């Protein structure tokens, strides 16, 4: 299992577009990925659960990854958070 502490950089936070990107990403991996914030947790399989975390810009979230491809998934998730989930206009 890998655990990452990442910062939400998008101005609107983890809203619909980043959540959708996480769900799409999840379809191509084998590991389970869970985001934790403020006492709540959400598997990235659920767009609504990710949005329900209420993580705003500059929030620190913990991402846990467990599975056979966790090293590659950890790298990819870190990059997704760093580049604003593909929405650079939101950084």
N, C-alpha and C. Protein backbone atom coordinates (compact mmCIF):
# COMPACT_ATOMS: atom_id res chain seq x y z
N UNK A 1 0.84 -1.18 0.00
CA UNK A 1 0.00 0.00 0.00
C UNK A 1 0.88 1.24 0.00
N UNK A 2 0.46 2.22 -0.78
CA UNK A 2 1.15 3.50 -0.81
C UNK A 2 0.19 4.58 -0.31
N UNK A 3 0.76 5.54 0.40
CA UNK A 3 -0.04 6.66 0.91
C UNK A 3 0.64 7.95 0.48
N UNK A 4 -0.14 8.82 -0.14
CA UNK A 4 0.38 10.10 -0.63
C UNK A 4 -0.37 11.23 0.05
N UNK A 5 0.35 12.28 0.38
CA UNK A 5 -0.27 13.51 0.87
C UNK A 5 -0.15 14.53 -0.25
N UNK A 6 -1.27 14.91 -0.81
CA UNK A 6 -1.28 15.79 -1.97
C UNK A 6 -2.12 17.03 -1.71
N UNK A 7 -1.81 18.09 -2.44
CA UNK A 7 -2.53 19.35 -2.30
C UNK A 7 -3.42 19.56 -3.52
N UNK A 8 -4.64 19.98 -3.28
CA UNK A 8 -5.56 20.30 -4.37
C UNK A 8 -5.19 21.69 -4.89
N UNK A 9 -4.79 21.77 -6.14
CA UNK A 9 -4.34 23.04 -6.71
C UNK A 9 -5.43 23.76 -7.50
N UNK A 10 -6.41 23.04 -7.98
CA UNK A 10 -7.47 23.65 -8.79
C UNK A 10 -8.24 24.68 -7.96
N UNK A 11 -8.46 25.86 -8.54
CA UNK A 11 -9.19 26.92 -7.84
C UNK A 11 -10.56 26.47 -7.36
N UNK A 12 -11.33 25.72 -8.17
CA UNK A 12 -12.64 25.26 -7.69
C UNK A 12 -12.57 24.02 -6.80
N UNK A 13 -11.40 23.48 -6.56
CA UNK A 13 -11.26 22.28 -5.73
C UNK A 13 -11.54 21.02 -6.53
N UNK A 14 -11.89 19.96 -5.81
CA UNK A 14 -12.21 18.68 -6.46
C UNK A 14 -13.68 18.70 -6.88
N UNK A 15 -13.96 19.42 -7.93
CA UNK A 15 -15.32 19.54 -8.44
C UNK A 15 -15.56 18.50 -9.53
N UNK A 16 -16.59 18.66 -10.32
CA UNK A 16 -17.02 17.65 -11.29
C UNK A 16 -15.95 17.27 -12.31
N UNK A 17 -15.27 18.24 -12.88
CA UNK A 17 -14.31 17.90 -13.94
C UNK A 17 -13.13 17.09 -13.41
N UNK A 18 -12.46 17.48 -12.33
CA UNK A 18 -11.40 16.62 -11.80
C UNK A 18 -11.92 15.25 -11.35
N UNK A 19 -13.10 15.23 -10.74
CA UNK A 19 -13.68 13.96 -10.29
C UNK A 19 -13.92 13.04 -11.48
N UNK A 20 -14.39 13.60 -12.58
CA UNK A 20 -14.62 12.80 -13.79
C UNK A 20 -13.31 12.24 -14.32
N UNK A 21 -12.24 13.04 -14.27
CA UNK A 21 -10.94 12.57 -14.74
C UNK A 21 -10.44 11.41 -13.87
N UNK A 22 -10.68 11.49 -12.57
CA UNK A 22 -10.27 10.39 -11.68
C UNK A 22 -11.04 9.12 -11.98
N UNK A 23 -12.34 9.24 -12.24
CA UNK A 23 -13.16 8.07 -12.57
C UNK A 23 -12.68 7.45 -13.88
N UNK A 24 -12.40 8.28 -14.88
CA UNK A 24 -11.88 7.76 -16.16
C UNK A 24 -10.55 7.06 -15.95
N UNK A 25 -9.68 7.65 -15.15
CA UNK A 25 -8.38 7.06 -14.86
C UNK A 25 -8.55 5.70 -14.18
N UNK A 26 -9.50 5.60 -13.28
CA UNK A 26 -9.73 4.38 -12.53
C UNK A 26 -10.05 3.19 -13.44
N UNK A 27 -10.68 3.44 -14.56
CA UNK A 27 -11.06 2.36 -15.46
C UNK A 27 -9.86 1.64 -16.07
N UNK A 28 -8.69 2.26 -16.07
CA UNK A 28 -7.52 1.66 -16.68
C UNK A 28 -6.51 1.10 -15.69
N UNK A 29 -6.88 0.98 -14.42
CA UNK A 29 -5.93 0.50 -13.41
C UNK A 29 -6.51 -0.68 -12.63
N UNK A 30 -5.62 -1.37 -11.94
CA UNK A 30 -6.05 -2.51 -11.13
C UNK A 30 -6.13 -2.18 -9.64
N UNK A 31 -5.40 -1.18 -9.21
CA UNK A 31 -5.35 -0.83 -7.78
C UNK A 31 -6.61 -0.10 -7.33
N UNK A 32 -6.88 -0.19 -6.03
CA UNK A 32 -7.94 0.59 -5.41
C UNK A 32 -7.34 1.92 -4.95
N UNK A 33 -8.01 3.00 -5.26
CA UNK A 33 -7.52 4.33 -4.90
C UNK A 33 -8.61 5.03 -4.08
N UNK A 34 -8.23 5.49 -2.89
CA UNK A 34 -9.17 6.17 -1.99
C UNK A 34 -8.56 7.51 -1.59
N UNK A 35 -9.39 8.54 -1.66
CA UNK A 35 -8.98 9.89 -1.24
C UNK A 35 -9.66 10.16 0.09
N UNK A 36 -8.86 10.67 1.06
CA UNK A 36 -9.40 11.00 2.38
C UNK A 36 -9.20 12.49 2.63
N UNK A 37 -10.26 13.11 3.17
CA UNK A 37 -10.19 14.53 3.51
C UNK A 37 -11.20 14.84 4.60
N UNK A 38 -10.73 15.48 5.62
CA UNK A 38 -11.60 16.01 6.68
C UNK A 38 -12.52 14.94 7.27
N UNK A 39 -11.97 13.75 7.51
CA UNK A 39 -12.73 12.68 8.12
C UNK A 39 -13.60 11.87 7.17
N UNK A 40 -13.60 12.22 5.90
CA UNK A 40 -14.37 11.50 4.90
C UNK A 40 -13.43 10.76 3.96
N UNK A 41 -13.94 9.73 3.30
CA UNK A 41 -13.14 9.04 2.30
C UNK A 41 -13.99 8.73 1.08
N UNK A 42 -13.33 8.67 -0.07
CA UNK A 42 -14.03 8.41 -1.33
C UNK A 42 -13.16 7.57 -2.24
N UNK A 43 -13.72 6.49 -2.75
CA UNK A 43 -13.04 5.71 -3.77
C UNK A 43 -13.18 6.47 -5.08
N UNK A 44 -12.12 6.51 -5.89
CA UNK A 44 -12.20 7.27 -7.13
C UNK A 44 -13.09 6.61 -8.18
N UNK A 45 -13.70 5.49 -7.85
CA UNK A 45 -14.69 4.87 -8.74
C UNK A 45 -15.97 5.70 -8.79
N UNK A 46 -16.19 6.54 -7.77
CA UNK A 46 -17.43 7.29 -7.66
C UNK A 46 -17.18 8.80 -7.76
N UNK A 47 -17.66 9.37 -8.86
CA UNK A 47 -17.52 10.81 -9.06
C UNK A 47 -18.22 11.58 -7.95
N UNK A 48 -19.41 11.14 -7.57
CA UNK A 48 -20.17 11.84 -6.53
C UNK A 48 -19.46 11.77 -5.18
N UNK A 49 -18.84 10.64 -4.88
CA UNK A 49 -18.12 10.51 -3.61
C UNK A 49 -16.93 11.45 -3.57
N UNK A 50 -16.20 11.54 -4.68
CA UNK A 50 -15.03 12.44 -4.74
C UNK A 50 -15.48 13.88 -4.55
N UNK A 51 -16.53 14.29 -5.26
CA UNK A 51 -17.04 15.66 -5.11
C UNK A 51 -17.57 15.89 -3.70
N UNK A 52 -18.14 14.86 -3.10
CA UNK A 52 -18.70 14.97 -1.76
C UNK A 52 -17.68 15.20 -0.66
N UNK A 53 -16.41 15.01 -0.98
CA UNK A 53 -15.37 15.28 0.02
C UNK A 53 -15.31 16.76 0.38
N UNK A 54 -15.68 17.61 -0.56
CA UNK A 54 -15.67 19.04 -0.31
C UNK A 54 -14.26 19.63 -0.23
N UNK A 55 -13.30 19.00 -0.91
CA UNK A 55 -11.92 19.48 -0.88
C UNK A 55 -11.77 20.69 -1.79
N UNK A 56 -11.49 21.83 -1.20
CA UNK A 56 -11.32 23.08 -1.93
C UNK A 56 -9.85 23.30 -2.29
N UNK A 57 -9.59 24.37 -3.02
CA UNK A 57 -8.21 24.71 -3.39
C UNK A 57 -7.36 24.81 -2.13
N UNK A 58 -6.15 24.30 -2.21
CA UNK A 58 -5.14 24.28 -1.14
C UNK A 58 -5.42 23.25 -0.05
N UNK A 59 -6.48 22.45 -0.21
CA UNK A 59 -6.75 21.39 0.76
C UNK A 59 -5.68 20.31 0.64
N UNK A 60 -5.29 19.78 1.77
CA UNK A 60 -4.35 18.65 1.81
C UNK A 60 -5.19 17.38 1.93
N UNK A 61 -5.02 16.48 0.96
CA UNK A 61 -5.75 15.22 0.98
C UNK A 61 -4.76 14.07 1.09
N UNK A 62 -5.23 12.95 1.59
CA UNK A 62 -4.42 11.74 1.66
C UNK A 62 -4.99 10.75 0.65
N UNK A 63 -4.13 10.23 -0.19
CA UNK A 63 -4.54 9.27 -1.20
C UNK A 63 -3.87 7.94 -0.87
N UNK A 64 -4.67 6.90 -0.70
CA UNK A 64 -4.12 5.57 -0.47
C UNK A 64 -4.36 4.73 -1.71
N UNK A 65 -3.33 3.97 -2.06
CA UNK A 65 -3.36 3.15 -3.26
C UNK A 65 -2.91 1.76 -2.87
N UNK A 66 -3.72 0.77 -3.25
CA UNK A 66 -3.37 -0.60 -2.93
C UNK A 66 -3.70 -1.50 -4.11
N UNK A 67 -2.70 -2.22 -4.58
CA UNK A 67 -2.92 -3.13 -5.68
C UNK A 67 -1.64 -3.42 -6.44
N UNK A 68 -1.73 -4.25 -7.47
CA UNK A 68 -0.54 -4.69 -8.18
C UNK A 68 0.18 -3.61 -8.96
N UNK A 69 -0.50 -2.54 -9.35
CA UNK A 69 0.14 -1.48 -10.12
C UNK A 69 0.26 -0.18 -9.32
N UNK A 70 0.33 -0.32 -7.99
CA UNK A 70 0.28 0.87 -7.13
C UNK A 70 1.41 1.86 -7.36
N UNK A 71 2.60 1.40 -7.70
CA UNK A 71 3.71 2.34 -7.93
C UNK A 71 3.42 3.23 -9.13
N UNK A 72 2.96 2.63 -10.22
CA UNK A 72 2.62 3.42 -11.41
C UNK A 72 1.42 4.33 -11.16
N UNK A 73 0.45 3.81 -10.43
CA UNK A 73 -0.74 4.60 -10.11
C UNK A 73 -0.37 5.79 -9.22
N UNK A 74 0.50 5.57 -8.26
CA UNK A 74 0.94 6.66 -7.37
C UNK A 74 1.59 7.78 -8.17
N UNK A 75 2.43 7.41 -9.11
CA UNK A 75 3.09 8.41 -9.94
C UNK A 75 2.06 9.17 -10.78
N UNK A 76 1.14 8.45 -11.39
CA UNK A 76 0.14 9.09 -12.24
C UNK A 76 -0.80 10.00 -11.44
N UNK A 77 -1.24 9.56 -10.27
CA UNK A 77 -2.13 10.38 -9.44
C UNK A 77 -1.42 11.64 -8.98
N UNK A 78 -0.16 11.51 -8.60
CA UNK A 78 0.63 12.68 -8.19
C UNK A 78 0.69 13.69 -9.34
N UNK A 79 0.92 13.20 -10.55
CA UNK A 79 0.98 14.09 -11.72
C UNK A 79 -0.38 14.73 -12.00
N UNK A 80 -1.45 13.96 -11.82
CA UNK A 80 -2.79 14.52 -12.05
C UNK A 80 -3.06 15.70 -11.11
N UNK A 81 -2.75 15.52 -9.84
CA UNK A 81 -2.94 16.61 -8.88
C UNK A 81 -2.05 17.80 -9.24
N UNK A 82 -0.81 17.53 -9.62
CA UNK A 82 0.15 18.61 -9.91
C UNK A 82 -0.23 19.41 -11.14
N UNK A 83 -0.83 18.76 -12.15
CA UNK A 83 -1.16 19.50 -13.36
C UNK A 83 -2.62 19.94 -13.43
N UNK A 84 -3.30 19.89 -12.31
CA UNK A 84 -4.68 20.37 -12.26
C UNK A 84 -5.66 19.47 -12.99
N UNK A 85 -5.34 18.17 -13.05
CA UNK A 85 -6.23 17.19 -13.69
C UNK A 85 -6.46 17.48 -15.17
N UNK A 86 -5.50 18.16 -15.78
CA UNK A 86 -5.63 18.49 -17.20
C UNK A 86 -6.36 19.80 -17.48
N UNK A 87 -6.59 20.58 -16.44
CA UNK A 87 -7.29 21.86 -16.59
C UNK A 87 -6.38 22.99 -16.08
N UNK A 88 -5.32 23.32 -16.84
CA UNK A 88 -4.35 24.32 -16.38
C UNK A 88 -4.95 25.71 -16.16
N UNK A 89 -6.09 25.98 -16.78
CA UNK A 89 -6.73 27.28 -16.59
C UNK A 89 -7.31 27.42 -15.19
N UNK A 90 -7.38 26.32 -14.44
CA UNK A 90 -7.92 26.35 -13.08
C UNK A 90 -6.83 26.49 -12.03
N UNK A 91 -5.59 26.55 -12.44
CA UNK A 91 -4.49 26.64 -11.46
C UNK A 91 -4.18 28.08 -11.14
